[in-house]
């Protein structure tokens, strides 16, 4: 189970970084609605939330330097994606060395008792959800939408 979940996490990360890199720098402030996050805020949330899930959810204490501080987003989509990639590489390695028993342990997360495996699954689903939102933002901004689980109207696979 752990290897499959870790493989899925790595795969989904690659798709998310690809979508993040498609964000036009001139459109970071674009919001599709007054209640929505800006495109830049949504992209950066994808990067910084992964670290939150690993450190606060999975309780990984050796997470190292925070390369994706919530309060300090880079000023370009490329820099956001690069920071996300660097952070992901470190976080994935910190989690990948754990045994099945560690993933099966129950921990407190948002006042709920969850196994680490369930939190990892929730983290990936959270990422996929927000990545989907970001692709809608791209379309509304007139940008090209990269394919994720196959082609898109802009990218044949």
N, C-alpha and C. Protein backbone atom coordinates (compact mmCIF):
# COMPACT_ATOMS: atom_id res chain seq x y z
N UNK A 1 0.82 -1.19 0.00
CA UNK A 1 0.00 0.00 0.00
C UNK A 1 0.86 1.25 0.00
N UNK A 2 1.86 1.29 0.84
CA UNK A 2 2.67 2.50 0.98
C UNK A 2 3.35 2.86 -0.34
N UNK A 3 3.92 1.88 -1.03
CA UNK A 3 4.61 2.18 -2.29
C UNK A 3 3.65 2.71 -3.34
N UNK A 4 2.48 2.14 -3.43
CA UNK A 4 1.49 2.61 -4.41
C UNK A 4 1.05 4.04 -4.08
N UNK A 5 0.81 4.32 -2.81
CA UNK A 5 0.41 5.67 -2.41
C UNK A 5 1.52 6.68 -2.68
N UNK A 6 2.75 6.29 -2.42
CA UNK A 6 3.87 7.19 -2.67
C UNK A 6 4.07 7.43 -4.16
N UNK A 7 3.88 6.39 -4.96
CA UNK A 7 3.96 6.53 -6.41
C UNK A 7 2.87 7.47 -6.93
N UNK A 8 1.67 7.32 -6.40
CA UNK A 8 0.55 8.19 -6.79
C UNK A 8 0.85 9.63 -6.42
N UNK A 9 1.35 9.84 -5.22
CA UNK A 9 1.69 11.19 -4.76
C UNK A 9 2.71 11.83 -5.71
N UNK A 10 3.75 11.09 -6.05
CA UNK A 10 4.78 11.62 -6.96
C UNK A 10 4.19 11.94 -8.33
N UNK A 11 3.36 11.05 -8.85
CA UNK A 11 2.75 11.25 -10.16
C UNK A 11 1.85 12.49 -10.16
N UNK A 12 0.98 12.59 -9.15
CA UNK A 12 0.08 13.74 -9.07
C UNK A 12 0.86 15.04 -8.90
N UNK A 13 1.95 14.99 -8.16
CA UNK A 13 2.79 16.18 -8.01
C UNK A 13 3.27 16.66 -9.38
N UNK A 14 3.74 15.75 -10.20
CA UNK A 14 4.23 16.13 -11.53
C UNK A 14 3.15 16.81 -12.36
N UNK A 15 1.94 16.29 -12.29
CA UNK A 15 0.83 16.92 -13.03
C UNK A 15 0.52 18.31 -12.48
N UNK A 16 0.55 18.43 -11.17
CA UNK A 16 0.25 19.73 -10.55
C UNK A 16 1.31 20.75 -10.90
N UNK A 17 2.57 20.37 -10.86
CA UNK A 17 3.65 21.30 -11.22
C UNK A 17 3.51 21.73 -12.68
N UNK A 18 3.09 20.81 -13.54
CA UNK A 18 2.87 21.13 -14.95
C UNK A 18 1.77 22.19 -15.11
N UNK A 19 0.68 22.02 -14.40
CA UNK A 19 -0.41 23.00 -14.45
C UNK A 19 0.05 24.33 -13.87
N UNK A 20 0.79 24.29 -12.78
CA UNK A 20 1.29 25.50 -12.16
C UNK A 20 2.17 26.30 -13.13
N UNK A 21 3.00 25.58 -13.88
CA UNK A 21 3.88 26.25 -14.84
C UNK A 21 3.10 26.88 -16.02
N UNK A 22 1.85 26.47 -16.20
CA UNK A 22 1.03 27.03 -17.28
C UNK A 22 0.37 28.35 -16.88
N UNK A 23 0.45 28.73 -15.63
CA UNK A 23 -0.16 29.98 -15.17
C UNK A 23 0.59 31.16 -15.80
N UNK A 24 -0.13 32.05 -16.46
CA UNK A 24 0.54 33.23 -17.03
C UNK A 24 0.94 34.20 -15.90
N UNK A 25 2.17 34.63 -15.90
CA UNK A 25 2.66 35.53 -14.85
C UNK A 25 1.80 36.79 -14.75
N UNK A 26 1.30 37.27 -15.85
CA UNK A 26 0.49 38.49 -15.86
C UNK A 26 -0.90 38.27 -15.28
N UNK A 27 -1.27 37.04 -15.00
CA UNK A 27 -2.62 36.72 -14.52
C UNK A 27 -2.64 36.23 -13.07
N UNK A 28 -1.55 36.39 -12.34
CA UNK A 28 -1.50 35.89 -10.96
C UNK A 28 -2.59 36.51 -10.08
N UNK A 29 -2.98 37.73 -10.34
CA UNK A 29 -3.98 38.41 -9.51
C UNK A 29 -5.41 38.12 -9.96
N UNK A 30 -5.59 37.43 -11.07
CA UNK A 30 -6.92 37.17 -11.61
C UNK A 30 -7.75 36.31 -10.64
N UNK A 31 -9.00 36.74 -10.44
CA UNK A 31 -9.96 36.00 -9.62
C UNK A 31 -11.22 35.82 -10.44
N UNK A 32 -11.72 34.59 -10.55
CA UNK A 32 -12.94 34.40 -11.32
C UNK A 32 -14.20 34.93 -10.63
N UNK A 33 -14.09 35.19 -9.34
CA UNK A 33 -15.23 35.69 -8.57
C UNK A 33 -14.69 36.40 -7.35
N UNK A 34 -15.44 37.34 -6.82
CA UNK A 34 -14.97 38.10 -5.66
C UNK A 34 -14.71 37.21 -4.44
N UNK A 35 -15.36 36.05 -4.35
CA UNK A 35 -15.15 35.14 -3.22
C UNK A 35 -14.01 34.15 -3.47
N UNK A 36 -13.46 34.16 -4.67
CA UNK A 36 -12.41 33.21 -5.04
C UNK A 36 -11.03 33.72 -4.63
N UNK A 37 -10.12 32.78 -4.50
CA UNK A 37 -8.71 33.13 -4.34
C UNK A 37 -8.21 33.66 -5.68
N UNK A 38 -7.14 34.40 -5.65
CA UNK A 38 -6.50 34.78 -6.91
C UNK A 38 -5.79 33.55 -7.48
N UNK A 39 -5.47 33.60 -8.76
CA UNK A 39 -4.79 32.47 -9.39
C UNK A 39 -3.44 32.22 -8.70
N UNK A 40 -2.74 33.29 -8.37
CA UNK A 40 -1.46 33.13 -7.68
C UNK A 40 -1.62 32.52 -6.30
N UNK A 41 -2.64 32.96 -5.57
CA UNK A 41 -2.88 32.40 -4.23
C UNK A 41 -3.23 30.91 -4.32
N UNK A 42 -4.03 30.55 -5.31
CA UNK A 42 -4.40 29.15 -5.47
C UNK A 42 -3.18 28.30 -5.83
N UNK A 43 -2.37 28.81 -6.75
CA UNK A 43 -1.16 28.06 -7.13
C UNK A 43 -0.24 27.88 -5.92
N UNK A 44 -0.04 28.94 -5.16
CA UNK A 44 0.86 28.84 -4.00
C UNK A 44 0.25 27.96 -2.92
N UNK A 45 -1.06 27.97 -2.78
CA UNK A 45 -1.71 27.08 -1.81
C UNK A 45 -1.37 25.62 -2.12
N UNK A 46 -1.34 25.27 -3.39
CA UNK A 46 -0.98 23.90 -3.76
C UNK A 46 0.41 23.55 -3.24
N UNK A 47 1.33 24.49 -3.34
CA UNK A 47 2.71 24.24 -2.91
C UNK A 47 2.82 24.15 -1.39
N UNK A 48 2.26 25.14 -0.71
CA UNK A 48 2.47 25.18 0.74
C UNK A 48 1.60 24.18 1.49
N UNK A 49 0.47 23.79 0.92
CA UNK A 49 -0.40 22.84 1.61
C UNK A 49 0.24 21.46 1.72
N UNK A 50 1.02 21.08 0.72
CA UNK A 50 1.67 19.77 0.78
C UNK A 50 2.56 19.68 2.01
N UNK A 51 3.33 20.73 2.26
CA UNK A 51 4.19 20.73 3.44
C UNK A 51 3.36 20.67 4.73
N UNK A 52 2.26 21.41 4.75
CA UNK A 52 1.39 21.38 5.92
C UNK A 52 0.91 19.96 6.20
N UNK A 53 0.43 19.28 5.17
CA UNK A 53 -0.06 17.92 5.35
C UNK A 53 1.04 16.99 5.87
N UNK A 54 2.25 17.13 5.34
CA UNK A 54 3.34 16.24 5.75
C UNK A 54 3.79 16.54 7.18
N UNK A 55 3.97 17.82 7.49
CA UNK A 55 4.48 18.19 8.81
C UNK A 55 3.39 18.08 9.88
N UNK A 56 2.24 18.71 9.63
CA UNK A 56 1.18 18.74 10.63
C UNK A 56 0.32 17.48 10.62
N UNK A 57 0.08 16.93 9.45
CA UNK A 57 -0.78 15.76 9.35
C UNK A 57 -0.05 14.47 9.60
N UNK A 58 1.00 14.23 8.81
CA UNK A 58 1.75 12.97 8.95
C UNK A 58 2.71 13.00 10.13
N UNK A 59 2.94 14.18 10.68
CA UNK A 59 3.83 14.36 11.85
C UNK A 59 5.28 14.01 11.51
N UNK A 60 5.74 14.44 10.34
CA UNK A 60 7.13 14.23 9.95
C UNK A 60 7.95 15.36 10.57
N UNK A 61 8.83 14.99 11.46
CA UNK A 61 9.61 15.98 12.20
C UNK A 61 10.88 16.41 11.46
N UNK A 62 11.36 15.60 10.54
CA UNK A 62 12.61 15.93 9.84
C UNK A 62 12.30 16.52 8.45
N UNK A 63 11.39 17.48 8.41
CA UNK A 63 10.96 18.05 7.13
C UNK A 63 11.92 19.12 6.60
N UNK A 64 12.92 19.48 7.37
CA UNK A 64 13.93 20.42 6.89
C UNK A 64 13.40 21.82 6.67
N UNK A 65 14.18 22.59 5.95
CA UNK A 65 13.86 23.99 5.66
C UNK A 65 12.54 24.09 4.89
N UNK A 66 11.76 25.08 5.25
CA UNK A 66 10.49 25.31 4.56
C UNK A 66 10.76 26.10 3.28
N UNK A 67 10.71 25.43 2.15
CA UNK A 67 10.95 26.07 0.86
C UNK A 67 9.69 26.69 0.27
N UNK A 68 8.57 26.51 0.97
CA UNK A 68 7.29 27.02 0.48
C UNK A 68 6.53 27.74 1.60
N UNK A 69 7.14 28.78 2.21
CA UNK A 69 6.45 29.46 3.31
C UNK A 69 5.15 30.11 2.84
N UNK A 70 4.10 29.86 3.57
CA UNK A 70 2.76 30.34 3.20
C UNK A 70 2.74 31.84 2.95
N UNK A 71 3.43 32.59 3.76
CA UNK A 71 3.38 34.05 3.71
C UNK A 71 4.32 34.65 2.67
N UNK A 72 5.12 33.85 1.99
CA UNK A 72 6.13 34.40 1.07
C UNK A 72 6.12 33.71 -0.29
N UNK A 73 5.04 33.87 -1.03
CA UNK A 73 5.02 33.24 -2.36
C UNK A 73 5.99 33.93 -3.31
N UNK A 74 6.62 33.18 -4.18
CA UNK A 74 7.46 33.79 -5.20
C UNK A 74 6.60 34.65 -6.13
N UNK A 75 7.25 35.48 -6.93
CA UNK A 75 6.49 36.41 -7.77
C UNK A 75 6.24 35.90 -9.18
N UNK A 76 6.55 34.64 -9.44
CA UNK A 76 6.27 34.09 -10.77
C UNK A 76 5.81 32.64 -10.64
N UNK A 77 4.96 32.22 -11.58
CA UNK A 77 4.52 30.83 -11.56
C UNK A 77 5.68 29.84 -11.68
N UNK A 78 6.67 30.17 -12.49
CA UNK A 78 7.82 29.27 -12.64
C UNK A 78 8.56 29.11 -11.31
N UNK A 79 8.74 30.22 -10.59
CA UNK A 79 9.42 30.15 -9.30
C UNK A 79 8.58 29.38 -8.28
N UNK A 80 7.25 29.53 -8.35
CA UNK A 80 6.37 28.77 -7.47
C UNK A 80 6.53 27.27 -7.75
N UNK A 81 6.47 26.91 -9.02
CA UNK A 81 6.59 25.50 -9.39
C UNK A 81 7.95 24.94 -9.01
N UNK A 82 9.01 25.73 -9.19
CA UNK A 82 10.35 25.27 -8.81
C UNK A 82 10.44 25.04 -7.30
N UNK A 83 9.89 25.96 -6.51
CA UNK A 83 9.91 25.79 -5.05
C UNK A 83 9.08 24.57 -4.66
N UNK A 84 7.95 24.39 -5.32
CA UNK A 84 7.08 23.23 -5.08
C UNK A 84 7.84 21.94 -5.40
N UNK A 85 8.55 21.91 -6.50
CA UNK A 85 9.35 20.73 -6.87
C UNK A 85 10.42 20.42 -5.83
N UNK A 86 11.16 21.45 -5.41
CA UNK A 86 12.23 21.24 -4.41
C UNK A 86 11.65 20.74 -3.09
N UNK A 87 10.56 21.38 -2.67
CA UNK A 87 9.92 20.97 -1.42
C UNK A 87 9.40 19.54 -1.52
N UNK A 88 8.73 19.24 -2.63
CA UNK A 88 8.17 17.90 -2.81
C UNK A 88 9.27 16.83 -2.77
N UNK A 89 10.36 17.07 -3.43
CA UNK A 89 11.44 16.08 -3.45
C UNK A 89 11.89 15.74 -2.04
N UNK A 90 12.07 16.77 -1.22
CA UNK A 90 12.52 16.54 0.14
C UNK A 90 11.45 15.84 0.97
N UNK A 91 10.20 16.32 0.87
CA UNK A 91 9.12 15.75 1.66
C UNK A 91 8.86 14.30 1.27
N UNK A 92 8.86 14.04 -0.03
CA UNK A 92 8.62 12.67 -0.50
C UNK A 92 9.70 11.73 0.04
N UNK A 93 10.95 12.16 -0.01
CA UNK A 93 12.04 11.33 0.50
C UNK A 93 11.89 11.10 2.00
N UNK A 94 11.44 12.10 2.74
CA UNK A 94 11.27 11.96 4.19
C UNK A 94 10.17 10.98 4.54
N UNK A 95 9.17 10.87 3.69
CA UNK A 95 8.06 9.95 3.93
C UNK A 95 8.35 8.56 3.35
N UNK A 96 9.05 8.52 2.23
CA UNK A 96 9.27 7.26 1.51
C UNK A 96 10.03 6.22 2.33
N UNK A 97 10.83 6.64 3.26
CA UNK A 97 11.61 5.69 4.06
C UNK A 97 10.84 5.04 5.19
N UNK A 98 9.57 5.33 5.33
CA UNK A 98 8.77 4.81 6.44
C UNK A 98 8.22 3.43 6.12
N UNK A 99 8.04 2.64 7.16
CA UNK A 99 7.51 1.29 6.95
C UNK A 99 5.98 1.28 7.03
N UNK A 100 5.39 0.15 6.69
CA UNK A 100 3.94 0.02 6.64
C UNK A 100 3.30 0.30 8.01
N UNK A 101 3.98 -0.08 9.08
CA UNK A 101 3.43 0.17 10.41
C UNK A 101 3.27 1.67 10.68
N UNK A 102 4.24 2.45 10.22
CA UNK A 102 4.18 3.91 10.40
C UNK A 102 2.95 4.47 9.69
N UNK A 103 2.71 4.03 8.45
CA UNK A 103 1.55 4.51 7.70
C UNK A 103 0.24 4.08 8.36
N UNK A 104 0.26 2.97 9.08
CA UNK A 104 -0.95 2.48 9.74
C UNK A 104 -1.23 3.12 11.08
N UNK A 105 -0.27 3.86 11.62
CA UNK A 105 -0.47 4.52 12.92
C UNK A 105 -1.55 5.59 12.83
N UNK A 106 -2.33 5.70 13.88
CA UNK A 106 -3.36 6.73 13.98
C UNK A 106 -2.77 7.96 14.66
N UNK A 107 -3.03 9.11 14.08
CA UNK A 107 -2.55 10.39 14.63
C UNK A 107 -3.73 11.37 14.66
N UNK A 108 -3.56 12.45 15.40
CA UNK A 108 -4.56 13.51 15.45
C UNK A 108 -4.33 14.47 14.30
N UNK A 109 -5.39 14.77 13.57
CA UNK A 109 -5.31 15.72 12.47
C UNK A 109 -6.63 16.48 12.42
N UNK A 110 -6.57 17.78 12.67
CA UNK A 110 -7.77 18.61 12.70
C UNK A 110 -8.84 18.03 13.62
N UNK A 111 -8.43 17.64 14.81
CA UNK A 111 -9.31 17.09 15.84
C UNK A 111 -9.99 15.80 15.40
N UNK A 112 -9.36 15.10 14.46
CA UNK A 112 -9.85 13.79 14.03
C UNK A 112 -8.73 12.79 14.24
N UNK A 113 -9.10 11.56 14.44
CA UNK A 113 -8.13 10.46 14.51
C UNK A 113 -8.10 9.83 13.12
N UNK A 114 -6.93 9.84 12.50
CA UNK A 114 -6.78 9.29 11.14
C UNK A 114 -5.46 8.53 11.06
N UNK A 115 -5.42 7.51 10.23
CA UNK A 115 -4.14 6.86 9.99
C UNK A 115 -3.32 7.78 9.07
N UNK A 116 -2.03 7.60 9.14
CA UNK A 116 -1.17 8.38 8.24
C UNK A 116 -1.49 8.05 6.78
N UNK A 117 -1.83 6.81 6.49
CA UNK A 117 -2.21 6.43 5.13
C UNK A 117 -3.42 7.23 4.68
N UNK A 118 -4.40 7.39 5.55
CA UNK A 118 -5.60 8.16 5.21
C UNK A 118 -5.27 9.64 5.00
N UNK A 119 -4.36 10.17 5.78
CA UNK A 119 -3.95 11.56 5.63
C UNK A 119 -3.21 11.76 4.31
N UNK A 120 -2.34 10.82 3.97
CA UNK A 120 -1.65 10.91 2.68
C UNK A 120 -2.65 10.89 1.53
N UNK A 121 -3.64 10.03 1.63
CA UNK A 121 -4.69 9.97 0.61
C UNK A 121 -5.46 11.29 0.54
N UNK A 122 -5.81 11.83 1.69
CA UNK A 122 -6.52 13.11 1.74
C UNK A 122 -5.67 14.22 1.13
N UNK A 123 -4.37 14.22 1.40
CA UNK A 123 -3.46 15.23 0.85
C UNK A 123 -3.47 15.18 -0.68
N UNK A 124 -3.40 13.99 -1.24
CA UNK A 124 -3.38 13.85 -2.70
C UNK A 124 -4.73 14.30 -3.28
N UNK A 125 -5.83 13.91 -2.64
CA UNK A 125 -7.14 14.34 -3.13
C UNK A 125 -7.30 15.86 -3.03
N UNK A 126 -6.78 16.46 -1.97
CA UNK A 126 -6.80 17.92 -1.81
C UNK A 126 -6.04 18.58 -2.96
N UNK A 127 -4.89 18.03 -3.28
CA UNK A 127 -4.08 18.57 -4.38
C UNK A 127 -4.81 18.46 -5.71
N UNK A 128 -5.39 17.30 -5.98
CA UNK A 128 -6.10 17.09 -7.24
C UNK A 128 -7.29 18.05 -7.34
N UNK A 129 -8.01 18.22 -6.25
CA UNK A 129 -9.16 19.15 -6.22
C UNK A 129 -8.72 20.56 -6.61
N UNK A 130 -7.70 21.08 -5.94
CA UNK A 130 -7.27 22.45 -6.22
C UNK A 130 -6.59 22.57 -7.58
N UNK A 131 -5.93 21.53 -8.02
CA UNK A 131 -5.35 21.56 -9.38
C UNK A 131 -6.47 21.69 -10.42
N UNK A 132 -7.57 20.98 -10.20
CA UNK A 132 -8.72 21.10 -11.09
C UNK A 132 -9.25 22.52 -11.11
N UNK A 133 -9.33 23.14 -9.95
CA UNK A 133 -9.75 24.54 -9.89
C UNK A 133 -8.80 25.41 -10.71
N UNK A 134 -7.51 25.15 -10.56
CA UNK A 134 -6.52 25.96 -11.27
C UNK A 134 -6.67 25.82 -12.79
N UNK A 135 -7.03 24.64 -13.26
CA UNK A 135 -7.23 24.49 -14.71
C UNK A 135 -8.42 25.32 -15.18
N UNK A 136 -9.45 25.44 -14.36
CA UNK A 136 -10.59 26.29 -14.73
C UNK A 136 -10.15 27.75 -14.76
N UNK A 137 -9.36 28.17 -13.79
CA UNK A 137 -8.83 29.53 -13.80
C UNK A 137 -8.04 29.77 -15.09
N UNK A 138 -7.22 28.79 -15.49
CA UNK A 138 -6.44 28.95 -16.71
C UNK A 138 -7.35 29.20 -17.91
N UNK A 139 -8.38 28.40 -18.03
CA UNK A 139 -9.31 28.56 -19.15
C UNK A 139 -9.97 29.93 -19.11
N UNK A 140 -10.43 30.36 -17.94
CA UNK A 140 -11.08 31.66 -17.81
C UNK A 140 -10.12 32.81 -18.11
N UNK A 141 -8.85 32.60 -17.85
CA UNK A 141 -7.83 33.63 -18.11
C UNK A 141 -7.37 33.64 -19.56
N UNK A 142 -7.89 32.69 -20.36
CA UNK A 142 -7.49 32.63 -21.76
C UNK A 142 -6.16 31.95 -21.97
N UNK A 143 -5.68 31.26 -20.96
CA UNK A 143 -4.40 30.56 -21.06
C UNK A 143 -4.62 29.14 -21.59
N UNK A 144 -3.56 28.51 -21.99
CA UNK A 144 -3.64 27.11 -22.44
C UNK A 144 -3.70 26.20 -21.22
N UNK A 145 -4.58 25.21 -21.30
CA UNK A 145 -4.76 24.25 -20.22
C UNK A 145 -4.00 22.98 -20.59
N UNK A 146 -3.00 22.61 -19.79
CA UNK A 146 -2.27 21.39 -20.09
C UNK A 146 -3.11 20.14 -19.80
N UNK A 147 -2.83 19.09 -20.53
CA UNK A 147 -3.48 17.82 -20.25
C UNK A 147 -2.96 17.23 -18.96
N UNK A 148 -3.84 16.53 -18.26
CA UNK A 148 -3.41 15.86 -17.03
C UNK A 148 -3.67 14.36 -17.17
N UNK A 149 -4.91 13.94 -17.13
CA UNK A 149 -5.21 12.52 -17.28
C UNK A 149 -5.56 12.22 -18.73
N UNK A 150 -4.77 12.72 -19.61
CA UNK A 150 -5.03 12.63 -21.05
C UNK A 150 -4.86 14.03 -21.61
N UNK A 151 -5.24 14.19 -22.84
CA UNK A 151 -5.09 15.47 -23.51
C UNK A 151 -6.10 16.49 -23.01
N UNK A 152 -5.94 17.69 -23.52
CA UNK A 152 -6.91 18.77 -23.27
C UNK A 152 -7.20 19.40 -24.63
N UNK A 153 -8.06 20.39 -24.65
CA UNK A 153 -8.35 21.10 -25.91
C UNK A 153 -7.09 21.80 -26.42
N UNK A 154 -6.12 22.03 -25.54
CA UNK A 154 -4.90 22.75 -25.92
C UNK A 154 -3.68 21.86 -26.06
N UNK A 155 -3.74 20.66 -25.54
CA UNK A 155 -2.57 19.79 -25.54
C UNK A 155 -3.00 18.36 -25.83
N UNK A 156 -2.67 17.90 -27.00
CA UNK A 156 -2.98 16.51 -27.34
C UNK A 156 -1.91 15.60 -26.77
N UNK A 157 -2.34 14.46 -26.29
CA UNK A 157 -1.36 13.53 -25.71
C UNK A 157 -1.30 12.26 -26.52
